[in-house]
Amino acid sequence: MTYRLDPAAPMSEALRRVAFGELEIAQSALAAAPPERHSGVHSARKCLKRLRSLLLLARPGMPEPVYASLYGRITAIARGLAAARDAQALIDASDKLERKTGPGPGLGPLHSLRTWLHKRRHAAEQNLERSAASDAMRGLWELRPAFAGLTVYPDDFTPLGNGLRLCYRRTRKAFHHAFGEGRDEDFHEWRKGVQHHWRQMQLLLPCWPSELSARAEAAKSLSQLLGEDHDIFLLRKLMSTPTMTFGSPEETAAFLKRCRKRQRLLREEARAEGDRLFAERSRPFAERIEAYWALAASAAVETEADKRPDNVVTLGDMRTPRAG
């Protein structure tokens, strides 16, 4: 996988390599013709999410206008691709809700809602073929010069260590706030932070693969729980919209009760996973990862030195024989 920072490279160069790798994957995915277009859009959106996580990690070492411009442009491209995928996600969520909650009252409105979602997805896919995919491709090409100049100062792990600490602290606070307030919107905010943490652990995985791959998998699992929770919230929101009618008031009430019961179970599981994943405070967590990175970078330098012939010294990009 290309989504890994190289401890042997200067940090700005390592960031650019990863960014261009994601841009290449996204462009190739969007170039796919139907019927592979839908999966291609899904792949491209994942690349854009990974790019946002990378920028958040590097943010303390970047001029704020540069960061804001790049982040905003990526978000705009992703928004243009969202409609078809979001409709499909809610269709999948309705199927999963029925499987997980079993037979009983409240399924009648769900079937009507699913029919409406299929029509919505079809309309979004038509728009995708007309303009959305080509607009996204153009936006990705226009991002390349901006990422070619991506640099952080200082050109080492220091800004990323600060970015990691800030992201982790914000997500840890969002975790406690979500369970303190209990609002659907707060759980969605926590989910976004968890997704960034998952991807940032993937970026930093080379500094200690066994530990950080385990954290990445745990964050991914938690993100999926919170994603299901958010999808059910969106199904509830659609079902409760005054201008939409998918069943009788009694059927709708039974469906909403089914949703809330499923969300309670998901949040109980998410709380247990969140307690483990965010048990450590932000500063010692970030300092520990920074220490791992320093060790990995030092080992990479020693490995490169061992590969160098004994009678050659390096001066920049030049190789000069040693005096006898």
Protein backbone atom coordinates (compact mmCIF):
# COMPACT_ATOMS: atom_id res chain seq x y z
CA MET A 1 0.00 0.00 0.00
CA THR A 2 1.30 3.48 -0.89
CA TYR A 3 -0.33 5.15 2.11
CA ARG A 4 2.76 4.97 4.33
CA LEU A 5 5.28 7.66 5.25
CA ASP A 6 8.90 6.65 4.75
CA PRO A 7 11.09 7.22 7.84
CA ALA A 8 14.18 7.26 5.59
CA ALA A 9 13.00 10.27 3.54
CA PRO A 10 12.84 13.96 4.43
CA MET A 11 9.33 14.54 5.76
CA SER A 12 8.18 16.90 2.97
CA GLU A 13 9.30 14.40 0.34
CA ALA A 14 7.59 11.54 2.17
CA LEU A 15 4.33 13.52 2.34
CA ARG A 16 4.46 14.37 -1.37
CA ARG A 17 5.05 10.73 -2.31
CA VAL A 18 1.98 9.62 -0.39
CA ALA A 19 -0.16 12.46 -1.74
CA PHE A 20 0.73 11.72 -5.37
CA GLY A 21 0.11 8.03 -4.80
CA GLU A 22 -3.43 8.80 -3.62
CA LEU A 23 -4.06 11.19 -6.52
CA GLU A 24 -2.97 8.48 -8.98
CA ILE A 25 -5.28 5.90 -7.41
CA ALA A 26 -8.24 8.30 -7.36
CA GLN A 27 -7.78 9.30 -11.00
CA SER A 28 -7.48 5.70 -12.15
CA ALA A 29 -10.59 4.76 -10.17
CA LEU A 30 -12.67 7.56 -11.68
CA ALA A 31 -11.53 6.63 -15.19
CA ALA A 32 -13.30 3.27 -14.87
CA ALA A 33 -16.26 2.87 -17.23
CA PRO A 34 -19.72 1.65 -16.15
CA PRO A 35 -20.61 -0.68 -14.48
CA GLU A 36 -17.35 -0.34 -12.51
CA ARG A 37 -17.97 3.41 -12.11
CA HIS A 38 -19.77 3.04 -8.78
CA SER A 39 -16.93 1.14 -7.12
CA GLY A 40 -14.49 3.57 -8.72
CA VAL A 41 -16.25 6.52 -7.11
CA HIS A 42 -16.12 4.73 -3.77
CA SER A 43 -12.37 4.16 -4.16
CA ALA A 44 -11.77 7.79 -5.20
CA ARG A 45 -13.68 9.09 -2.18
CA LYS A 46 -11.56 6.94 0.13
CA CYS A 47 -8.43 8.45 -1.43
CA LEU A 48 -9.77 11.95 -0.80
CA LYS A 49 -10.46 11.06 2.84
CA ARG A 50 -6.92 9.77 3.21
CA LEU A 51 -5.57 13.02 1.74
CA ARG A 52 -7.54 15.03 4.29
CA SER A 53 -6.15 12.93 7.13
CA LEU A 54 -2.62 13.50 5.80
CA LEU A 55 -3.17 17.28 5.66
CA LEU A 56 -4.52 17.37 9.21
CA LEU A 57 -1.44 15.53 10.42
CA ALA A 58 0.92 17.93 8.63
CA ARG A 59 -1.09 21.10 9.34
CA PRO A 60 1.15 22.54 12.13
CA GLY A 61 4.09 22.64 9.68
CA MET A 62 2.19 24.31 6.84
CA PRO A 63 1.18 27.95 6.25
CA GLU A 64 -2.49 28.09 7.25
CA PRO A 65 -3.70 29.55 3.90
CA VAL A 66 -1.99 26.68 2.03
CA TYR A 67 -3.55 24.09 4.33
CA ALA A 68 -7.01 25.71 4.11
CA SER A 69 -6.89 25.91 0.31
CA LEU A 70 -5.85 22.29 -0.17
CA TYR A 71 -8.30 20.94 2.41
CA GLY A 72 -11.16 22.97 0.97
CA ARG A 73 -10.46 21.89 -2.61
CA ILE A 74 -10.33 18.22 -1.63
CA THR A 75 -13.58 18.56 0.30
CA ALA A 76 -15.29 20.19 -2.68
CA ILE A 77 -14.23 17.35 -5.00
CA ALA A 78 -15.47 14.76 -2.51
CA ARG A 79 -18.80 16.57 -2.12
CA GLY A 80 -19.37 16.39 -5.87
CA LEU A 81 -19.02 12.60 -5.75
CA ALA A 82 -21.09 12.06 -2.60
CA ALA A 83 -24.70 11.75 -3.79
CA ALA A 84 -24.61 8.36 -5.52
CA ARG A 85 -22.45 6.74 -2.87
CA ASP A 86 -24.50 8.17 0.01
CA ALA A 87 -27.72 6.80 -1.49
CA GLN A 88 -26.13 3.36 -1.85
CA ALA A 89 -24.83 3.54 1.74
CA LEU A 90 -28.36 4.10 3.03
CA ILE A 91 -29.68 1.21 0.94
CA ASP A 92 -27.01 -1.01 2.49
CA ALA A 93 -27.84 0.39 5.94
CA SER A 94 -31.54 -0.43 5.51
CA ASP A 95 -30.66 -4.00 4.50
CA LYS A 96 -28.36 -4.37 7.50
CA LEU A 97 -30.92 -2.92 9.89
CA GLU A 98 -33.45 -5.51 8.76
CA ARG A 99 -30.92 -8.35 9.18
CA LYS A 100 -29.72 -7.21 12.59
CA THR A 101 -33.12 -6.46 14.14
CA GLY A 102 -35.02 -9.40 12.66
CA PRO A 103 -38.75 -9.74 11.91
CA GLY A 104 -41.39 -7.65 13.65
CA PRO A 105 -43.25 -4.36 13.35
CA GLY A 106 -41.71 -1.41 11.56
CA LEU A 107 -40.46 -3.12 8.40
CA GLY A 108 -43.24 -1.86 6.11
CA PRO A 109 -41.93 1.73 6.01
CA LEU A 110 -38.42 0.40 5.55
CA HIS A 111 -39.36 -1.32 2.31
CA SER A 112 -41.01 1.87 1.00
CA LEU A 113 -37.97 3.90 2.02
CA ARG A 114 -35.67 1.49 0.22
CA THR A 115 -37.66 1.91 -3.02
CA TRP A 116 -37.30 5.70 -2.71
CA LEU A 117 -33.54 5.37 -2.08
CA HIS A 118 -33.08 3.27 -5.23
CA LYS A 119 -34.71 6.06 -7.27
CA ARG A 120 -32.48 8.61 -5.57
CA ARG A 121 -29.39 6.57 -6.35
CA HIS A 122 -30.39 6.22 -10.00
CA ALA A 123 -30.79 10.00 -10.35
CA ALA A 124 -27.40 10.57 -8.67
CA GLU A 125 -25.72 8.04 -10.97
CA GLN A 126 -27.11 9.83 -14.02
CA ASN A 127 -25.65 13.10 -12.74
CA LEU A 128 -22.37 11.31 -12.14
CA GLU A 129 -22.21 10.23 -15.77
CA ARG A 130 -23.22 13.67 -17.04
CA SER A 131 -20.75 15.84 -15.16
CA ALA A 132 -19.76 14.88 -11.60
CA ALA A 133 -17.07 12.32 -12.50
CA SER A 134 -15.43 14.55 -15.13
CA ASP A 135 -15.55 17.54 -12.77
CA ALA A 136 -13.81 15.46 -10.11
CA MET A 137 -11.14 14.30 -12.57
CA ARG A 138 -10.43 17.88 -13.53
CA GLY A 139 -10.24 18.88 -9.88
CA LEU A 140 -7.75 16.11 -9.14
CA TRP A 141 -5.50 17.18 -12.02
CA GLU A 142 -5.58 20.76 -10.76
CA LEU A 143 -4.46 19.57 -7.32
CA ARG A 144 -1.21 18.09 -8.60
CA PRO A 145 0.79 21.35 -8.83
CA ALA A 146 -0.35 22.32 -5.33
CA PHE A 147 0.78 19.00 -3.87
CA ALA A 148 4.05 19.21 -5.83
CA GLY A 149 4.95 22.18 -3.64
CA LEU A 150 3.83 20.61 -0.35
CA THR A 151 6.43 21.25 2.37
CA VAL A 152 6.48 21.27 6.15
CA TYR A 153 8.75 23.25 8.44
CA PRO A 154 10.81 22.01 10.11
CA ASP A 155 11.32 19.20 7.61
CA ASP A 156 11.15 16.40 10.17
CA PHE A 157 8.61 14.70 12.42
CA THR A 158 8.11 17.72 14.71
CA PRO A 159 5.07 19.23 12.92
CA LEU A 160 3.51 15.80 12.49
CA GLY A 161 3.97 15.08 16.18
CA ASN A 162 2.09 18.28 16.95
CA GLY A 163 -0.59 17.43 14.38
CA LEU A 164 -1.00 13.95 15.84
CA ARG A 165 -1.37 15.34 19.36
CA LEU A 166 -3.99 17.90 18.29
CA CYS A 167 -6.02 15.39 16.25
CA TYR A 168 -5.90 12.75 18.98
CA ARG A 169 -6.87 15.27 21.70
CA ARG A 170 -9.79 16.60 19.64
CA THR A 171 -11.05 13.07 18.96
CA ARG A 172 -10.66 12.04 22.60
CA LYS A 173 -12.68 15.08 23.67
CA ALA A 174 -15.31 14.32 21.03
CA PHE A 175 -15.61 10.79 22.46
CA HIS A 176 -16.40 12.05 25.96
CA HIS A 177 -18.64 14.82 24.63
CA ALA A 178 -20.70 12.39 22.53
CA PHE A 179 -21.51 10.20 25.51
CA GLY A 180 -22.01 13.21 27.74
CA GLU A 181 -24.56 14.82 25.41
CA GLY A 182 -25.94 11.77 23.58
CA ARG A 183 -26.78 13.69 20.39
CA ASP A 184 -26.52 12.03 16.99
CA GLU A 185 -24.51 14.96 15.61
CA ASP A 186 -21.91 14.57 18.38
CA PHE A 187 -21.43 10.90 17.59
CA HIS A 188 -20.92 11.83 13.94
CA GLU A 189 -18.21 14.33 14.93
CA TRP A 190 -16.49 11.64 16.98
CA ARG A 191 -16.71 9.29 14.02
CA LYS A 192 -14.88 11.76 11.77
CA GLY A 193 -12.05 12.03 14.30
CA VAL A 194 -11.85 8.24 14.61
CA GLN A 195 -11.56 7.95 10.82
CA HIS A 196 -8.67 10.43 10.80
CA HIS A 197 -6.97 8.51 13.61
CA TRP A 198 -7.33 5.24 11.70
CA ARG A 199 -5.73 6.71 8.59
CA GLN A 200 -3.00 8.54 10.49
CA MET A 201 -2.00 5.27 12.15
CA GLN A 202 -1.71 3.80 8.64
CA LEU A 203 0.53 6.69 7.61
CA LEU A 204 2.83 6.26 10.60
CA LEU A 205 2.75 2.45 10.64
CA PRO A 206 6.41 2.01 9.49
CA CYS A 207 7.71 3.32 12.83
CA TRP A 208 6.29 0.27 14.66
CA PRO A 209 4.17 -1.95 12.40
CA SER A 210 2.87 -4.41 15.00
CA GLU A 211 1.52 -1.80 17.42
CA LEU A 212 0.24 0.75 14.93
CA SER A 213 -1.41 -1.81 12.66
CA ALA A 214 -3.35 -3.03 15.71
CA ARG A 215 -4.41 0.55 16.50
CA ALA A 216 -5.39 1.11 12.87
CA GLU A 217 -7.55 -2.02 12.86
CA ALA A 218 -9.18 -1.04 16.17
CA ALA A 219 -9.93 2.46 14.87
CA LYS A 220 -11.31 1.02 11.63
CA SER A 221 -13.61 -1.30 13.57
CA LEU A 222 -14.82 1.59 15.74
CA SER A 223 -15.33 3.76 12.66
CA GLN A 224 -17.54 1.08 11.14
CA LEU A 225 -19.69 0.91 14.28
CA LEU A 226 -20.10 4.68 14.29
CA GLY A 227 -20.75 4.65 10.55
CA GLU A 228 -23.64 2.24 11.03
CA ASP A 229 -24.93 4.43 13.87
CA HIS A 230 -24.82 7.50 11.62
CA ASP A 231 -26.56 5.72 8.74
CA ILE A 232 -29.40 4.72 11.08
CA PHE A 233 -29.65 8.35 12.22
CA LEU A 234 -30.03 9.39 8.56
CA LEU A 235 -32.70 6.71 8.01
CA ARG A 236 -34.56 8.02 11.07
CA LYS A 237 -34.24 11.57 9.77
CA LEU A 238 -35.68 10.64 6.38
CA MET A 239 -38.50 8.67 7.95
CA SER A 240 -39.38 11.61 10.22
CA THR A 241 -39.37 14.27 7.49
CA PRO A 242 -42.87 15.85 7.49
CA THR A 243 -43.06 15.98 3.69
CA MET A 244 -42.15 12.29 3.31
CA THR A 245 -44.63 9.47 3.97
CA PHE A 246 -43.38 5.88 3.96
CA GLY A 247 -46.03 4.31 6.21
CA SER A 248 -48.80 4.93 8.72
CA PRO A 249 -47.98 6.83 11.94
CA GLU A 250 -48.04 3.54 13.85
CA GLU A 251 -45.69 1.83 11.38
CA THR A 252 -43.36 4.81 11.40
CA ALA A 253 -43.25 4.85 15.21
CA ALA A 254 -42.42 1.12 15.23
CA PHE A 255 -39.63 1.68 12.70
CA LEU A 256 -38.12 4.53 14.72
CA LYS A 257 -38.24 2.39 17.86
CA ARG A 258 -36.37 -0.36 15.99
CA CYS A 259 -33.73 2.20 14.95
CA ARG A 260 -33.21 3.56 18.46
CA LYS A 261 -32.82 0.07 19.88
CA ARG A 262 -30.13 -0.77 17.33
CA GLN A 263 -28.32 2.50 18.02
CA ARG A 264 -28.23 1.78 21.76
CA LEU A 265 -26.50 -1.54 21.11
CA LEU A 266 -24.03 0.04 18.67
CA ARG A 267 -23.13 2.80 21.11
CA GLU A 268 -22.57 0.38 23.98
CA GLU A 269 -20.07 -1.48 21.81
CA ALA A 270 -18.51 1.77 20.57
CA ARG A 271 -18.03 3.01 24.12
CA ALA A 272 -16.10 -0.11 25.12
CA GLU A 273 -13.85 0.20 22.05
CA GLY A 274 -13.42 3.94 22.57
CA ASP A 275 -12.39 3.46 26.20
CA ARG A 276 -9.54 1.22 25.08
CA LEU A 277 -8.46 3.22 22.05
CA PHE A 278 -8.44 6.61 23.77
CA ALA A 279 -7.39 5.62 27.28
CA GLU A 280 -4.06 7.47 26.98
CA ARG A 281 -3.86 11.25 27.20
CA SER A 282 -2.84 13.16 24.07
CA ARG A 283 0.62 14.45 25.02
CA PRO A 284 2.16 11.14 26.19
CA PHE A 285 0.54 9.36 23.25
CA ALA A 286 2.05 11.75 20.69
CA GLU A 287 5.44 11.77 22.43
CA ARG A 288 5.52 7.97 22.39
CA ILE A 289 4.79 7.83 18.64
CA GLU A 290 7.41 10.53 18.03
CA ALA A 291 9.98 8.43 19.90
CA TYR A 292 9.09 5.42 17.74
CA TRP A 293 9.53 7.54 14.63
CA ALA A 294 12.93 8.84 15.73
CA LEU A 295 14.14 5.27 16.28
CA ALA A 296 12.79 4.15 12.89
CA ALA A 297 14.39 7.14 11.12
CA SER A 298 17.73 6.49 12.82
CA ALA A 299 17.61 2.80 11.84
CA ALA A 300 16.80 3.79 8.23
CA VAL A 301 19.84 6.09 8.10
CA GLU A 302 22.09 3.32 9.45
CA THR A 303 20.70 0.89 6.88
CA GLU A 304 21.45 3.31 4.05
CA ALA A 305 24.96 3.83 5.43
CA ASP A 306 25.56 0.07 5.51
CA LYS A 307 24.62 -0.16 1.83
CA ARG A 308 27.17 2.49 0.86
CA PRO A 309 30.51 1.25 -0.57
CA ASP A 310 33.44 1.77 1.83
CA ASN A 311 35.38 3.90 -0.66
CA VAL A 312 32.52 6.32 -1.38
CA VAL A 313 31.21 9.26 0.61
CA THR A 314 27.99 11.10 -0.29
CA LEU A 315 27.85 14.86 -0.76
CA GLY A 316 24.26 15.72 -1.64
CA ASP A 317 23.54 13.85 -4.84
CA MET A 318 27.29 13.53 -5.76
CA ARG A 319 29.42 10.50 -4.96
CA THR A 320 33.12 11.21 -4.42
CA PRO A 321 35.91 8.61 -3.96
CA ARG A 322 37.73 8.84 -0.66
CA ALA A 323 41.40 9.69 -0.68
CA GLY A 324 43.60 6.62 -0.30
